Amino acid sequence: MAELNSSPEKSGIKTRSKKAALKVDLTAMVDLAFLLITFFMLTTTLSKPSAMDVAMPVGEESEPVAQSRTMTICLGKNNKAMYYLGLADKPLIPATVTNYSGSGLRKAIFDMSKHVQQTTGKSMLVIIKPAETSVYGNLVNTLDEMKITSTQQYAIADIAPKDISLLKAQQAY
């Protein structure tokens, strides 16, 4: 049992009055402290990490996709992204540099998706190509934009030399 004693030591000196020794029982205080710690530990809500599901292809075989419904997003340096519709050699919509804001990449994805839906009647496929000069946060932002814009088909691919030359021409590499 925990207690606090403050009685004078017997050193051979006689005291005239006999006062009762002060004893404080600290057991209740310790019990209360542990009850409070337990209460706060049990009532605290811990945040659960959230993760986005990314479906990766199973086999090596792939079906060709029409260039008229393929949007390519190349991630460059200084929080810049370049996008175009079609092939890098002959883009149907020329390469344009934008940022990751709501009026930047998100608006571009919405506009391209609307254009592809009107011209082909099918949904758009997006290919995301991070460059060596891009940062990981830009890839995460781009994947977030895929989720926000409800883009169902997208893939992450290695950047091609043609895309790098387009990024250099746009001063985004």
N, C-alpha and C. Protein backbone atom coordinates (compact mmCIF):
# COMPACT_ATOMS: atom_id res chain seq x y z
N MET A 1 0.85 -1.15 0.00
CA MET A 1 0.00 0.00 0.00
C MET A 1 0.90 1.23 0.00
N ALA A 2 0.56 2.21 -0.84
CA ALA A 2 1.38 3.42 -0.94
C ALA A 2 0.92 4.43 0.09
N GLU A 3 1.88 4.95 0.84
CA GLU A 3 1.53 5.97 1.83
C GLU A 3 2.69 6.93 1.99
N LEU A 4 2.35 8.10 2.49
CA LEU A 4 3.34 9.15 2.69
C LEU A 4 3.51 9.36 4.18
N ASN A 5 4.69 9.09 4.66
CA ASN A 5 4.98 9.25 6.09
C ASN A 5 5.85 10.48 6.29
N SER A 6 5.48 11.30 7.26
CA SER A 6 6.34 12.43 7.60
C SER A 6 6.47 12.51 9.12
N SER A 7 7.02 11.46 9.67
CA SER A 7 7.23 11.46 11.13
C SER A 7 8.69 11.76 11.41
N PRO A 8 8.97 12.48 12.47
CA PRO A 8 10.37 12.79 12.78
C PRO A 8 11.12 11.53 13.15
N GLU A 9 12.38 11.52 12.73
CA GLU A 9 13.19 10.35 13.06
C GLU A 9 13.55 10.40 14.54
N LYS A 10 13.74 9.26 15.07
CA LYS A 10 14.14 9.18 16.49
C LYS A 10 15.64 9.41 16.56
N SER A 11 16.00 10.58 17.02
CA SER A 11 17.43 10.90 17.08
C SER A 11 17.89 11.11 18.54
N GLY A 12 17.11 10.70 19.45
CA GLY A 12 17.51 10.84 20.84
C GLY A 12 16.97 12.10 21.47
N ILE A 13 16.32 12.98 20.71
CA ILE A 13 15.75 14.21 21.27
C ILE A 13 14.32 13.91 21.64
N LYS A 14 13.97 14.29 22.83
CA LYS A 14 12.61 14.06 23.29
C LYS A 14 11.74 15.24 22.91
N THR A 15 10.56 14.94 22.48
CA THR A 15 9.62 15.99 22.15
C THR A 15 8.61 16.08 23.26
N ARG A 16 8.14 17.30 23.51
CA ARG A 16 7.19 17.49 24.60
C ARG A 16 5.81 16.99 24.26
N SER A 17 5.34 17.37 23.09
CA SER A 17 3.97 16.97 22.78
C SER A 17 4.00 15.80 21.82
N LYS A 18 3.04 14.99 22.00
CA LYS A 18 2.93 13.86 21.10
C LYS A 18 1.90 14.21 20.05
N LYS A 19 2.38 14.47 18.87
CA LYS A 19 1.47 14.74 17.76
C LYS A 19 1.36 13.48 16.92
N ALA A 20 0.20 13.30 16.37
CA ALA A 20 0.00 12.11 15.53
C ALA A 20 0.79 12.28 14.24
N ALA A 21 1.38 11.21 13.79
CA ALA A 21 2.16 11.24 12.54
C ALA A 21 1.19 11.41 11.36
N LEU A 22 1.62 12.20 10.39
CA LEU A 22 0.80 12.47 9.23
C LEU A 22 0.95 11.32 8.24
N LYS A 23 -0.13 10.66 7.91
CA LYS A 23 -0.11 9.57 6.95
C LYS A 23 -1.19 9.83 5.89
N VAL A 24 -0.75 9.86 4.65
CA VAL A 24 -1.69 10.04 3.55
C VAL A 24 -1.63 8.78 2.68
N ASP A 25 -2.76 8.16 2.49
CA ASP A 25 -2.83 6.95 1.67
C ASP A 25 -3.00 7.35 0.20
N LEU A 26 -2.03 7.00 -0.64
CA LEU A 26 -2.04 7.39 -2.05
C LEU A 26 -2.63 6.31 -2.97
N THR A 27 -3.13 5.25 -2.45
CA THR A 27 -3.67 4.16 -3.28
C THR A 27 -4.82 4.65 -4.14
N ALA A 28 -5.70 5.43 -3.58
CA ALA A 28 -6.85 5.93 -4.34
C ALA A 28 -6.40 6.85 -5.46
N MET A 29 -5.38 7.65 -5.22
CA MET A 29 -4.87 8.56 -6.25
C MET A 29 -4.27 7.78 -7.43
N VAL A 30 -3.54 6.73 -7.14
CA VAL A 30 -2.95 5.90 -8.20
C VAL A 30 -4.05 5.20 -8.97
N ASP A 31 -5.04 4.67 -8.26
CA ASP A 31 -6.16 4.02 -8.94
C ASP A 31 -6.89 4.99 -9.85
N LEU A 32 -7.12 6.19 -9.39
CA LEU A 32 -7.80 7.20 -10.19
C LEU A 32 -6.99 7.56 -11.43
N ALA A 33 -5.68 7.68 -11.28
CA ALA A 33 -4.83 8.00 -12.43
C ALA A 33 -4.92 6.91 -13.49
N PHE A 34 -4.84 5.66 -13.10
CA PHE A 34 -4.95 4.57 -14.07
C PHE A 34 -6.34 4.49 -14.69
N LEU A 35 -7.37 4.78 -13.92
CA LEU A 35 -8.72 4.80 -14.49
C LEU A 35 -8.86 5.90 -15.54
N LEU A 36 -8.30 7.07 -15.27
CA LEU A 36 -8.36 8.15 -16.24
C LEU A 36 -7.56 7.83 -17.50
N ILE A 37 -6.39 7.25 -17.34
CA ILE A 37 -5.58 6.86 -18.50
C ILE A 37 -6.33 5.84 -19.34
N THR A 38 -6.91 4.85 -18.69
CA THR A 38 -7.67 3.83 -19.41
C THR A 38 -8.87 4.45 -20.12
N PHE A 39 -9.57 5.34 -19.45
CA PHE A 39 -10.73 5.98 -20.06
C PHE A 39 -10.35 6.75 -21.32
N PHE A 40 -9.29 7.55 -21.26
CA PHE A 40 -8.90 8.34 -22.42
C PHE A 40 -8.35 7.47 -23.54
N MET A 41 -7.70 6.38 -23.20
CA MET A 41 -7.20 5.49 -24.25
C MET A 41 -8.35 4.81 -24.99
N LEU A 42 -9.39 4.43 -24.26
CA LEU A 42 -10.51 3.72 -24.89
C LEU A 42 -11.45 4.64 -25.64
N THR A 43 -11.55 5.89 -25.23
CA THR A 43 -12.50 6.80 -25.89
C THR A 43 -11.88 7.58 -27.04
N THR A 44 -10.58 7.52 -27.19
CA THR A 44 -9.92 8.23 -28.29
C THR A 44 -10.14 7.46 -29.58
N THR A 45 -10.53 8.18 -30.63
CA THR A 45 -10.69 7.53 -31.92
C THR A 45 -9.39 7.65 -32.69
N LEU A 46 -8.93 6.56 -33.18
CA LEU A 46 -7.69 6.55 -33.95
C LEU A 46 -8.05 6.62 -35.43
N SER A 47 -7.32 7.41 -36.17
CA SER A 47 -7.62 7.53 -37.60
C SER A 47 -7.09 6.31 -38.34
N LYS A 48 -7.90 5.82 -39.24
CA LYS A 48 -7.52 4.66 -40.02
C LYS A 48 -6.93 5.14 -41.34
N PRO A 49 -5.83 4.55 -41.75
CA PRO A 49 -5.25 4.97 -43.03
C PRO A 49 -6.15 4.55 -44.19
N SER A 50 -6.26 5.43 -45.16
CA SER A 50 -7.09 5.10 -46.32
C SER A 50 -6.18 4.92 -47.52
N ALA A 51 -6.51 3.97 -48.33
CA ALA A 51 -5.70 3.66 -49.50
C ALA A 51 -6.61 3.54 -50.71
N MET A 52 -6.09 3.92 -51.85
CA MET A 52 -6.84 3.82 -53.09
C MET A 52 -6.47 2.51 -53.77
N ASP A 53 -7.48 1.79 -54.25
CA ASP A 53 -7.23 0.55 -54.97
C ASP A 53 -6.79 0.86 -56.38
N VAL A 54 -5.70 0.23 -56.78
CA VAL A 54 -5.21 0.37 -58.15
C VAL A 54 -5.21 -1.03 -58.75
N ALA A 55 -6.00 -1.22 -59.78
CA ALA A 55 -6.08 -2.51 -60.45
C ALA A 55 -4.98 -2.58 -61.50
N MET A 56 -4.13 -3.57 -61.37
CA MET A 56 -3.03 -3.74 -62.30
C MET A 56 -3.38 -4.85 -63.29
N PRO A 57 -2.90 -4.77 -64.52
CA PRO A 57 -3.21 -5.80 -65.52
C PRO A 57 -2.62 -7.15 -65.13
N VAL A 58 -3.31 -8.21 -65.55
CA VAL A 58 -2.89 -9.55 -65.17
C VAL A 58 -1.88 -10.12 -66.14
N GLY A 59 -2.17 -10.05 -67.43
CA GLY A 59 -1.30 -10.68 -68.41
C GLY A 59 -0.48 -9.68 -69.20
N GLU A 60 0.34 -10.22 -70.08
CA GLU A 60 1.17 -9.38 -70.94
C GLU A 60 0.41 -8.93 -72.19
N GLU A 61 -0.62 -9.66 -72.57
CA GLU A 61 -1.37 -9.31 -73.78
C GLU A 61 -2.26 -8.12 -73.51
N SER A 62 -2.31 -7.23 -74.47
CA SER A 62 -3.18 -6.06 -74.33
C SER A 62 -3.88 -5.80 -75.66
N GLU A 63 -5.06 -5.31 -75.54
CA GLU A 63 -5.83 -4.98 -76.73
C GLU A 63 -5.47 -3.57 -77.17
N PRO A 64 -5.38 -3.36 -78.47
CA PRO A 64 -5.08 -1.99 -78.93
C PRO A 64 -6.26 -1.06 -78.64
N VAL A 65 -5.93 0.16 -78.28
CA VAL A 65 -6.94 1.17 -77.97
C VAL A 65 -6.80 2.28 -79.00
N ALA A 66 -7.92 2.77 -79.48
CA ALA A 66 -7.89 3.83 -80.49
C ALA A 66 -7.23 5.07 -79.92
N GLN A 67 -6.41 5.72 -80.75
CA GLN A 67 -5.73 6.94 -80.30
C GLN A 67 -6.71 8.07 -80.06
N SER A 68 -7.89 7.98 -80.67
CA SER A 68 -8.88 9.04 -80.51
C SER A 68 -9.50 9.06 -79.12
N ARG A 69 -9.27 8.02 -78.33
CA ARG A 69 -9.82 8.00 -76.97
C ARG A 69 -8.75 7.83 -75.91
N THR A 70 -7.48 8.07 -76.27
CA THR A 70 -6.38 7.91 -75.34
C THR A 70 -5.78 9.27 -75.00
N MET A 71 -5.85 9.62 -73.72
CA MET A 71 -5.23 10.85 -73.22
C MET A 71 -3.96 10.46 -72.48
N THR A 72 -2.87 11.14 -72.78
CA THR A 72 -1.60 10.89 -72.10
C THR A 72 -1.26 12.10 -71.23
N ILE A 73 -0.93 11.82 -69.98
CA ILE A 73 -0.52 12.86 -69.05
C ILE A 73 0.93 12.57 -68.66
N CYS A 74 1.82 13.50 -69.00
CA CYS A 74 3.23 13.38 -68.66
C CYS A 74 3.52 14.32 -67.49
N LEU A 75 4.06 13.77 -66.42
CA LEU A 75 4.34 14.56 -65.23
C LEU A 75 5.75 15.12 -65.32
N GLY A 76 5.88 16.42 -65.22
CA GLY A 76 7.18 17.08 -65.36
C GLY A 76 7.66 17.69 -64.06
N LYS A 77 8.59 18.62 -64.18
CA LYS A 77 9.16 19.27 -63.00
C LYS A 77 8.33 20.50 -62.62
N ASN A 78 8.62 21.06 -61.46
CA ASN A 78 7.98 22.28 -60.95
C ASN A 78 6.46 22.19 -60.92
N ASN A 79 5.94 21.04 -60.54
CA ASN A 79 4.50 20.81 -60.42
C ASN A 79 3.76 21.12 -61.71
N LYS A 80 4.33 20.73 -62.82
CA LYS A 80 3.70 20.91 -64.13
C LYS A 80 3.40 19.55 -64.74
N ALA A 81 2.30 19.50 -65.45
CA ALA A 81 1.91 18.29 -66.18
C ALA A 81 1.57 18.68 -67.61
N MET A 82 1.92 17.80 -68.54
CA MET A 82 1.62 18.02 -69.95
C MET A 82 0.64 16.92 -70.38
N TYR A 83 -0.36 17.31 -71.13
CA TYR A 83 -1.33 16.32 -71.61
C TYR A 83 -1.58 16.53 -73.09
N TYR A 84 -1.95 15.45 -73.76
CA TYR A 84 -2.34 15.49 -75.16
C TYR A 84 -3.26 14.30 -75.45
N LEU A 85 -3.98 14.39 -76.54
CA LEU A 85 -4.88 13.32 -76.96
C LEU A 85 -4.32 12.69 -78.21
N GLY A 86 -4.18 11.38 -78.20
CA GLY A 86 -3.65 10.67 -79.36
C GLY A 86 -2.23 10.23 -79.12
N LEU A 87 -1.46 10.15 -80.20
CA LEU A 87 -0.06 9.73 -80.14
C LEU A 87 0.86 10.94 -80.00
N ALA A 88 2.05 10.70 -79.48
CA ALA A 88 3.01 11.80 -79.30
C ALA A 88 3.48 12.35 -80.64
N ASP A 89 3.57 11.49 -81.67
CA ASP A 89 4.00 11.94 -83.00
C ASP A 89 2.98 12.85 -83.65
N LYS A 90 1.71 12.42 -83.62
CA LYS A 90 0.62 13.17 -84.26
C LYS A 90 -0.53 13.31 -83.27
N PRO A 91 -0.42 14.21 -82.31
CA PRO A 91 -1.52 14.35 -81.35
C PRO A 91 -2.76 14.97 -82.00
N LEU A 92 -3.92 14.43 -81.63
CA LEU A 92 -5.18 14.98 -82.13
C LEU A 92 -5.46 16.34 -81.49
N ILE A 93 -5.13 16.46 -80.23
CA ILE A 93 -5.18 17.74 -79.52
C ILE A 93 -3.76 18.01 -79.05
N PRO A 94 -3.17 19.14 -79.43
CA PRO A 94 -1.74 19.37 -79.16
C PRO A 94 -1.40 19.36 -77.67
N ALA A 95 -0.14 19.10 -77.40
CA ALA A 95 0.35 19.03 -76.03
C ALA A 95 0.21 20.38 -75.34
N THR A 96 -0.34 20.33 -74.13
CA THR A 96 -0.57 21.53 -73.34
C THR A 96 -0.03 21.31 -71.93
N VAL A 97 0.61 22.32 -71.38
CA VAL A 97 1.14 22.24 -70.02
C VAL A 97 0.15 22.88 -69.06
N THR A 98 -0.06 22.24 -67.92
CA THR A 98 -0.98 22.75 -66.91
C THR A 98 -0.43 22.44 -65.53
N ASN A 99 -1.17 22.83 -64.50
CA ASN A 99 -0.78 22.54 -63.12
C ASN A 99 -1.77 21.54 -62.54
N TYR A 100 -1.67 21.29 -61.23
CA TYR A 100 -2.50 20.28 -60.59
C TYR A 100 -3.70 20.86 -59.85
N SER A 101 -4.09 22.07 -60.17
CA SER A 101 -5.23 22.69 -59.49
C SER A 101 -6.55 22.20 -60.10
N GLY A 102 -7.63 22.61 -59.48
CA GLY A 102 -8.95 22.24 -59.99
C GLY A 102 -9.22 22.84 -61.36
N SER A 103 -8.66 24.01 -61.62
CA SER A 103 -8.85 24.63 -62.94
C SER A 103 -7.76 24.22 -63.92
N GLY A 104 -6.84 23.37 -63.49
CA GLY A 104 -5.75 22.92 -64.34
C GLY A 104 -6.01 21.52 -64.87
N LEU A 105 -5.40 20.54 -64.23
CA LEU A 105 -5.47 19.16 -64.70
C LEU A 105 -6.89 18.61 -64.61
N ARG A 106 -7.60 18.91 -63.56
CA ARG A 106 -8.97 18.40 -63.42
C ARG A 106 -9.87 18.88 -64.55
N LYS A 107 -9.79 20.17 -64.86
CA LYS A 107 -10.59 20.73 -65.95
C LYS A 107 -10.18 20.10 -67.28
N ALA A 108 -8.88 19.86 -67.47
CA ALA A 108 -8.41 19.24 -68.71
C ALA A 108 -8.96 17.82 -68.85
N ILE A 109 -8.98 17.08 -67.76
CA ILE A 109 -9.51 15.71 -67.82
C ILE A 109 -11.01 15.73 -68.13
N PHE A 110 -11.75 16.63 -67.48
CA PHE A 110 -13.18 16.74 -67.77
C PHE A 110 -13.42 17.12 -69.23
N ASP A 111 -12.67 18.11 -69.72
CA ASP A 111 -12.85 18.55 -71.11
C ASP A 111 -12.51 17.45 -72.10
N MET A 112 -11.41 16.77 -71.89
CA MET A 112 -11.00 15.69 -72.79
C MET A 112 -12.01 14.54 -72.75
N SER A 113 -12.47 14.22 -71.56
CA SER A 113 -13.44 13.13 -71.43
C SER A 113 -14.73 13.46 -72.18
N LYS A 114 -15.16 14.70 -72.06
CA LYS A 114 -16.36 15.14 -72.78
C LYS A 114 -16.12 15.09 -74.29
N HIS A 115 -14.95 15.53 -74.74
CA HIS A 115 -14.61 15.51 -76.17
C HIS A 115 -14.59 14.07 -76.70
N VAL A 116 -13.96 13.17 -75.96
CA VAL A 116 -13.87 11.77 -76.39
C VAL A 116 -15.26 11.14 -76.41
N GLN A 117 -16.09 11.42 -75.43
CA GLN A 117 -17.44 10.86 -75.38
C GLN A 117 -18.27 11.35 -76.56
N GLN A 118 -18.12 12.62 -76.93
CA GLN A 118 -18.88 13.16 -78.05
C GLN A 118 -18.40 12.62 -79.39
N THR A 119 -17.09 12.45 -79.56
CA THR A 119 -16.56 12.04 -80.86
C THR A 119 -16.60 10.53 -81.08
N THR A 120 -16.35 9.75 -80.04
CA THR A 120 -16.29 8.29 -80.22
C THR A 120 -17.47 7.56 -79.59
N GLY A 121 -18.12 8.17 -78.63
CA GLY A 121 -19.22 7.50 -77.94
C GLY A 121 -18.74 6.52 -76.88
N LYS A 122 -17.45 6.51 -76.61
CA LYS A 122 -16.87 5.60 -75.61
C LYS A 122 -16.17 6.41 -74.53
N SER A 123 -15.78 5.69 -73.48
CA SER A 123 -15.08 6.37 -72.38
C SER A 123 -13.61 6.57 -72.74
N MET A 124 -12.99 7.46 -72.02
CA MET A 124 -11.60 7.82 -72.28
C MET A 124 -10.65 6.92 -71.47
N LEU A 125 -9.50 6.64 -72.04
CA LEU A 125 -8.43 5.92 -71.37
C LEU A 125 -7.30 6.90 -71.12
N VAL A 126 -6.78 6.93 -69.91
CA VAL A 126 -5.71 7.86 -69.55
C VAL A 126 -4.44 7.08 -69.25
N ILE A 127 -3.34 7.52 -69.83
CA ILE A 127 -2.03 6.95 -69.55
C ILE A 127 -1.21 8.00 -68.80
N ILE A 128 -0.75 7.65 -67.62
CA ILE A 128 0.02 8.56 -66.78
C ILE A 128 1.48 8.16 -66.89
N LYS A 129 2.33 9.12 -67.29
CA LYS A 129 3.75 8.85 -67.48
C LYS A 129 4.58 9.82 -66.64
N PRO A 130 5.06 9.38 -65.47
CA PRO A 130 5.91 10.27 -64.67
C PRO A 130 7.33 10.34 -65.24
N ALA A 131 7.86 11.54 -65.33
CA ALA A 131 9.23 11.74 -65.78
C ALA A 131 10.18 11.63 -64.60
N GLU A 132 11.47 11.57 -64.89
CA GLU A 132 12.47 11.49 -63.82
C GLU A 132 12.51 12.76 -62.99
N THR A 133 12.08 13.87 -63.56
CA THR A 133 12.13 15.15 -62.85
C THR A 133 10.88 15.40 -62.01
N SER A 134 9.87 14.55 -62.14
CA SER A 134 8.65 14.75 -61.36
C SER A 134 8.83 14.18 -59.96
N VAL A 135 7.97 14.59 -59.06
CA VAL A 135 8.04 14.11 -57.68
C VAL A 135 6.87 13.16 -57.43
N TYR A 136 7.01 12.35 -56.40
CA TYR A 136 6.01 11.34 -56.07
C TYR A 136 4.65 11.97 -55.77
N GLY A 137 4.65 13.13 -55.14
CA GLY A 137 3.39 13.81 -54.81
C GLY A 137 2.57 14.15 -56.04
N ASN A 138 3.25 14.45 -57.16
CA ASN A 138 2.52 14.73 -58.40
C ASN A 138 1.80 13.50 -58.93
N LEU A 139 2.42 12.33 -58.78
CA LEU A 139 1.75 11.09 -59.19
C LEU A 139 0.54 10.83 -58.32
N VAL A 140 0.67 11.06 -57.03
CA VAL A 140 -0.45 10.89 -56.11
C VAL A 140 -1.57 11.87 -56.45
N ASN A 141 -1.21 13.13 -56.75
CA ASN A 141 -2.22 14.12 -57.13
C ASN A 141 -2.94 13.72 -58.41
N THR A 142 -2.20 13.17 -59.36
CA THR A 142 -2.81 12.74 -60.61
C THR A 142 -3.76 11.56 -60.37
N LEU A 143 -3.36 10.62 -59.53
CA LEU A 143 -4.26 9.50 -59.20
C LEU A 143 -5.50 10.00 -58.46
N ASP A 144 -5.33 11.00 -57.62
CA ASP A 144 -6.49 11.61 -56.96
C ASP A 144 -7.43 12.24 -57.98
N GLU A 145 -6.87 12.88 -58.99
CA GLU A 145 -7.71 13.48 -60.04
C GLU A 145 -8.46 12.41 -60.82
N MET A 146 -7.86 11.25 -60.99
CA MET A 146 -8.55 10.14 -61.66
C MET A 146 -9.77 9.73 -60.85
N LYS A 147 -9.61 9.70 -59.54
CA LYS A 147 -10.71 9.33 -58.65
C LYS A 147 -11.78 10.42 -58.64
N ILE A 148 -11.36 11.68 -58.57
CA ILE A 148 -12.31 12.80 -58.50
C ILE A 148 -13.12 12.90 -59.78
N THR A 149 -12.46 12.71 -60.93
CA THR A 149 -13.15 12.85 -62.21
C THR A 149 -13.85 11.56 -62.65
N SER A 150 -13.79 10.54 -61.80
CA SER A 150 -14.44 9.25 -62.08
C SER A 150 -13.93 8.62 -63.38
N THR A 151 -12.66 8.75 -63.64
CA THR A 151 -12.06 8.11 -64.80
C THR A 151 -11.87 6.63 -64.46
N GLN A 152 -12.52 5.77 -65.24
CA GLN A 152 -12.51 4.34 -64.94
C GLN A 152 -11.27 3.62 -65.45
N GLN A 153 -10.75 4.05 -66.58
CA GLN A 153 -9.63 3.35 -67.20
C GLN A 153 -8.41 4.27 -67.22
N TYR A 154 -7.40 3.88 -66.46
CA TYR A 154 -6.14 4.62 -66.48
C TYR A 154 -5.01 3.66 -66.17
N ALA A 155 -3.83 4.02 -66.60
CA ALA A 155 -2.66 3.17 -66.39
C ALA A 155 -1.45 4.06 -66.12
N ILE A 156 -0.48 3.49 -65.41
CA ILE A 156 0.79 4.17 -65.16
C ILE A 156 1.83 3.46 -66.02
N ALA A 157 2.52 4.22 -66.85
CA ALA A 157 3.49 3.64 -67.77
C ALA A 157 4.80 4.40 -67.69
N ASP A 158 5.84 3.79 -68.25
CA ASP A 158 7.15 4.45 -68.35
C ASP A 158 7.07 5.52 -69.42
N ILE A 159 7.80 6.59 -69.19
CA ILE A 159 7.78 7.69 -70.14
C ILE A 159 8.67 7.34 -71.34
N ALA A 160 8.21 7.69 -72.53
CA ALA A 160 8.93 7.40 -73.77
C ALA A 160 9.82 8.59 -74.14
N PRO A 161 10.85 8.36 -74.95
CA PRO A 161 11.71 9.46 -75.39
C PRO A 161 10.93 10.56 -76.14
N LYS A 162 9.90 10.20 -76.88
CA LYS A 162 9.09 11.21 -77.59
C LYS A 162 8.39 12.13 -76.59
N ASP A 163 7.92 11.54 -75.50
CA ASP A 163 7.26 12.35 -74.47
C ASP A 163 8.26 13.28 -73.78
N ILE A 164 9.47 12.78 -73.57
CA ILE A 164 10.50 13.61 -72.95
C ILE A 164 10.84 14.81 -73.84
N SER A 165 10.92 14.57 -75.15
CA SER A 165 11.21 15.68 -76.05
C SER A 165 10.06 16.69 -76.08
N LEU A 166 8.82 16.21 -75.96
CA LEU A 166 7.68 17.14 -75.87
C LEU A 166 7.76 17.96 -74.58
N LEU A 167 8.11 17.30 -73.47
CA LEU A 167 8.25 18.02 -72.20
C LEU A 167 9.36 19.07 -72.28
N LYS A 168 10.46 18.72 -72.92
CA LYS A 168 11.57 19.68 -73.07
C LYS A 168 11.15 20.85 -73.92
N ALA A 169 10.36 20.59 -74.97
CA ALA A 169 9.89 21.68 -75.83
C ALA A 169 8.96 22.62 -75.07
N GLN A 170 8.24 22.09 -74.10
CA GLN A 170 7.31 22.89 -73.31
C GLN A 170 7.98 23.45 -72.04
N GLN A 171 9.28 23.26 -71.88
CA GLN A 171 10.05 23.67 -70.70
C GLN A 171 9.48 23.08 -69.39
N ALA A 172 9.03 21.82 -69.44
CA ALA A 172 8.49 21.17 -68.25
C ALA A 172 9.32 19.96 -67.86
N TYR A 173 10.50 19.78 -68.46
CA TYR A 173 11.33 18.61 -68.11
C TYR A 173 12.51 19.05 -67.30
